[in-house]
Amino acid sequence: MSVTRLLTSYSAMLQTLSALLILIAAPGCSSAPPLGSEEVSSTADALYTAVTSRRLELVDAVEENLKRLQAEQQVSPAAMTALQAIIVQARAGEWQAAAEELDQLIRNQPA
């Protein structure tokens, strides 16, 4: 396994753990990290479609779009962490759990 691949795996694991710590630290708290721009919200919707259809190639495409949005500073670190954790769940085959987490994230967006 290459160093780059190991670092990518390690980074994804840290992002997932961070998201889980956020969820554990705030039990019963229904606030979700704001997704930000309309484009980020649309990307979250696309991720929901990818996850519910269980299409890994779409998950990959959405992740690339999220990385672009992150580079353009259109997505907050907290939202990116939450979305990345959902992507990790989907890649692990935990499609239903990923869909439920994403549904809650989208539904709990500030008005």
Protein backbone atom coordinates (compact mmCIF):
# COMPACT_ATOMS: atom_id res chain seq x y z
CA MET A 1 0.00 0.00 0.00
CA SER A 2 1.46 3.38 -0.97
CA VAL A 3 2.15 6.13 1.53
CA THR A 4 -0.40 8.39 -0.18
CA ARG A 5 -3.08 5.74 0.11
CA LEU A 6 -2.24 5.16 3.77
CA LEU A 7 -2.42 8.88 4.49
CA THR A 8 -5.75 9.13 2.68
CA SER A 9 -7.14 6.21 4.70
CA TYR A 10 -5.79 7.71 7.92
CA SER A 11 -7.31 11.09 7.08
CA ALA A 12 -10.72 9.54 6.34
CA MET A 13 -10.57 7.64 9.62
CA LEU A 14 -9.77 10.82 11.56
CA GLN A 15 -12.61 12.68 9.86
CA THR A 16 -15.02 9.89 10.75
CA LEU A 17 -13.86 9.82 14.35
CA SER A 18 -14.21 13.60 14.57
CA ALA A 19 -17.75 13.43 13.26
CA LEU A 20 -18.63 10.69 15.72
CA LEU A 21 -17.16 12.66 18.62
CA ILE A 22 -19.26 15.64 17.63
CA LEU A 23 -22.37 13.45 17.60
CA ILE A 24 -21.51 11.84 20.95
CA ALA A 25 -20.68 15.16 22.61
CA ALA A 26 -24.08 16.61 21.81
CA PRO A 27 -26.70 13.95 22.52
CA GLY A 28 -30.21 15.11 21.87
CA CYS A 29 -28.95 18.17 20.08
CA SER A 30 -30.72 18.45 16.76
CA SER A 31 -28.56 21.16 15.28
CA ALA A 32 -26.58 20.12 12.24
CA PRO A 33 -23.57 21.88 10.83
CA PRO A 34 -24.78 24.36 8.21
CA LEU A 35 -24.07 23.15 4.71
CA GLY A 36 -23.55 26.68 3.49
CA SER A 37 -24.12 27.58 -0.13
CA GLU A 38 -26.91 26.34 -2.35
CA GLU A 39 -24.31 24.37 -4.30
CA VAL A 40 -23.25 22.50 -1.15
CA SER A 41 -26.91 21.76 -0.37
CA SER A 42 -27.40 20.44 -3.90
CA THR A 43 -24.27 18.32 -3.50
CA ALA A 44 -25.66 16.87 -0.25
CA ASP A 45 -28.85 16.01 -2.14
CA ALA A 46 -26.75 14.32 -4.83
CA LEU A 47 -24.98 12.34 -2.10
CA TYR A 48 -28.37 11.24 -0.77
CA THR A 49 -29.30 10.00 -4.24
CA ALA A 50 -25.96 8.18 -4.54
CA VAL A 51 -26.32 6.56 -1.11
CA THR A 52 -29.95 5.52 -1.45
CA SER A 53 -29.27 4.04 -4.88
CA ARG A 54 -26.16 2.33 -3.46
CA ARG A 55 -24.01 3.53 -6.35
CA LEU A 56 -20.40 3.86 -5.27
CA GLU A 57 -19.39 5.59 -8.51
CA LEU A 58 -21.85 8.38 -7.71
CA VAL A 59 -20.55 8.59 -4.14
CA ASP A 60 -17.04 9.02 -5.59
CA ALA A 61 -18.22 11.78 -7.95
CA VAL A 62 -19.97 13.63 -5.13
CA GLU A 63 -16.86 13.35 -2.96
CA GLU A 64 -14.76 14.92 -5.70
CA ASN A 65 -17.26 17.76 -5.97
CA LEU A 66 -17.17 18.24 -2.19
CA LYS A 67 -13.38 18.44 -2.27
CA ARG A 68 -13.62 21.13 -4.95
CA LEU A 69 -16.14 23.05 -2.87
CA GLN A 70 -13.91 22.68 0.17
CA ALA A 71 -10.94 24.05 -1.78
CA GLU A 72 -13.13 27.00 -2.77
CA GLN A 73 -14.07 27.41 0.92
CA GLN A 74 -17.77 26.94 0.20
CA VAL A 75 -18.22 24.14 2.73
CA SER A 76 -17.48 24.51 6.44
CA PRO A 77 -15.03 22.13 8.11
CA ALA A 78 -17.84 20.79 10.32
CA ALA A 79 -20.12 20.11 7.35
CA MET A 80 -17.25 18.49 5.43
CA THR A 81 -16.48 16.25 8.40
CA ALA A 82 -20.11 15.18 8.68
CA LEU A 83 -20.44 14.52 4.94
CA GLN A 84 -17.12 12.66 4.82
CA ALA A 85 -18.25 10.43 7.70
CA ILE A 86 -21.36 9.56 5.70
CA ILE A 87 -19.22 8.76 2.66
CA VAL A 88 -17.04 6.47 4.78
CA GLN A 89 -20.17 4.66 6.03
CA ALA A 90 -21.39 4.18 2.47
CA ARG A 91 -18.02 2.83 1.34
CA ALA A 92 -18.11 0.38 4.24
CA GLY A 93 -21.42 -0.95 2.93
CA GLU A 94 -23.45 0.70 5.69
CA TRP A 95 -25.83 2.19 3.14
CA GLN A 96 -28.91 2.42 5.37
CA ALA A 97 -27.05 4.06 8.25
CA ALA A 98 -25.41 6.50 5.84
CA ALA A 99 -28.79 7.38 4.32
CA GLU A 100 -30.32 7.96 7.76
CA GLU A 101 -27.44 10.17 8.91
CA LEU A 102 -27.57 12.19 5.72
CA ASP A 103 -31.34 12.53 5.93
CA GLN A 104 -30.99 13.97 9.45
CA LEU A 105 -28.21 16.31 8.35
CA ILE A 106 -30.30 17.66 5.47
CA ARG A 107 -33.53 17.92 7.50
CA ASN A 108 -31.85 19.72 10.41
CA GLN A 109 -30.40 22.54 8.35
CA PRO A 110 -30.96 26.02 9.79
CA ALA A 111 -33.80 27.86 8.09
